């Protein structure tokens, strides 16, 4: 199960990276960045936490890292979107 979650997260991240490179619209690019930070990160973190080599302190560290990325990812995308909007207005 852990391997499946890790590969699913890696696949989502790879898809988002390819779409990010192929998309020219600034605002649509932000959606692909948020896809990687909001969907791929929890999948990879969950897979690593469920791995057989994980101890409780490894899992605690992974959960903290995943929570920080999950919470700050959308805020980063919103800030970048606002900066993009201001740059295109002026």
Protein backbone atom coordinates (compact mmCIF):
# COMPACT_ATOMS: atom_id res chain seq x y z
CA UNK A 1 0.00 0.00 0.00
CA UNK A 2 2.80 2.42 0.83
CA UNK A 3 4.47 1.87 -2.53
CA UNK A 4 1.19 2.54 -4.31
CA UNK A 5 0.70 5.84 -2.46
CA UNK A 6 4.27 6.96 -3.15
CA UNK A 7 3.98 6.17 -6.86
CA UNK A 8 0.56 7.83 -7.07
CA UNK A 9 1.99 11.00 -5.53
CA UNK A 10 4.98 10.88 -7.85
CA UNK A 11 2.67 10.43 -10.85
CA UNK A 12 0.54 13.41 -9.84
CA UNK A 13 3.67 15.49 -9.35
CA UNK A 14 5.08 14.43 -12.74
CA UNK A 15 1.76 15.19 -14.46
CA UNK A 16 1.64 18.63 -12.84
CA UNK A 17 5.25 19.34 -13.87
CA UNK A 18 4.65 18.38 -17.49
CA UNK A 19 1.44 20.41 -17.67
CA UNK A 20 3.22 23.33 -16.03
CA UNK A 21 5.86 23.29 -18.75
CA UNK A 22 3.31 23.01 -21.57
CA UNK A 23 0.88 25.67 -20.34
CA UNK A 24 1.40 29.29 -21.31
CA UNK A 25 -1.43 30.87 -19.32
CA UNK A 26 -0.08 32.29 -16.04
CA UNK A 27 -3.21 31.62 -14.03
CA UNK A 28 -3.62 28.06 -15.27
CA UNK A 29 -0.01 27.38 -14.29
CA UNK A 30 -0.89 28.23 -10.70
CA UNK A 31 -3.49 25.45 -10.71
CA UNK A 32 -0.86 22.90 -11.64
CA UNK A 33 1.49 24.17 -8.92
CA UNK A 34 -1.30 23.82 -6.36
CA UNK A 35 -2.11 20.34 -7.66
CA UNK A 36 1.39 19.23 -6.80
CA UNK A 37 1.45 20.85 -3.37
CA UNK A 38 -2.07 19.92 -2.25
CA UNK A 39 -2.55 16.46 -3.77
CA UNK A 40 0.87 14.95 -4.45
CA UNK A 41 2.46 15.89 -1.14
CA UNK A 42 -0.11 14.14 1.09
CA UNK A 43 0.05 11.02 -1.07
CA UNK A 44 3.83 10.78 -0.84
CA UNK A 45 3.85 11.62 2.88
CA UNK A 46 1.18 8.99 3.60
CA UNK A 47 3.10 6.40 1.60
CA UNK A 48 6.34 7.15 3.41
CA UNK A 49 4.59 7.08 6.78
CA UNK A 50 3.11 3.65 6.02
CA UNK A 51 6.43 2.19 4.87
CA UNK A 52 7.61 -0.80 6.86
CA UNK A 53 10.86 0.92 7.92
CA UNK A 54 9.07 3.87 9.53
CA UNK A 55 9.30 4.30 13.26
CA UNK A 56 6.97 6.52 15.27
CA UNK A 57 9.38 9.48 15.27
CA UNK A 58 9.87 9.17 11.49
CA UNK A 59 6.10 9.21 11.07
CA UNK A 60 5.78 12.22 13.39
CA UNK A 61 8.37 14.15 11.37
CA UNK A 62 6.67 13.24 8.10
CA UNK A 63 3.27 14.28 9.42
CA UNK A 64 4.63 17.66 10.53
CA UNK A 65 6.33 18.23 7.17
CA UNK A 66 3.22 17.14 5.28
CA UNK A 67 0.95 19.35 7.37
CA UNK A 68 3.20 22.37 6.83
CA UNK A 69 3.31 21.81 3.08
CA UNK A 70 -0.43 21.13 2.92
CA UNK A 71 -1.26 24.33 4.83
CA UNK A 72 1.28 26.66 3.22
CA UNK A 73 0.90 25.37 -0.36
CA UNK A 74 -2.43 27.07 -1.14
CA UNK A 75 -1.33 30.29 0.57
CA UNK A 76 1.77 30.37 -1.61
CA UNK A 77 -0.31 29.86 -4.76
CA UNK A 78 -2.73 32.63 -3.74
CA UNK A 79 0.15 35.01 -3.08
CA UNK A 80 1.74 34.18 -6.43
CA UNK A 81 -1.62 34.69 -8.15
CA UNK A 82 -2.07 38.10 -6.59
CA UNK A 83 1.46 39.10 -7.58
CA UNK A 84 0.79 37.93 -11.13
CA UNK A 85 -2.43 39.92 -11.25
CA UNK A 86 -0.70 43.07 -9.99
CA UNK A 87 2.15 42.64 -12.47
CA UNK A 88 -0.24 42.28 -15.40
CA UNK A 89 -2.25 45.37 -14.33
CA UNK A 90 0.70 47.71 -14.11
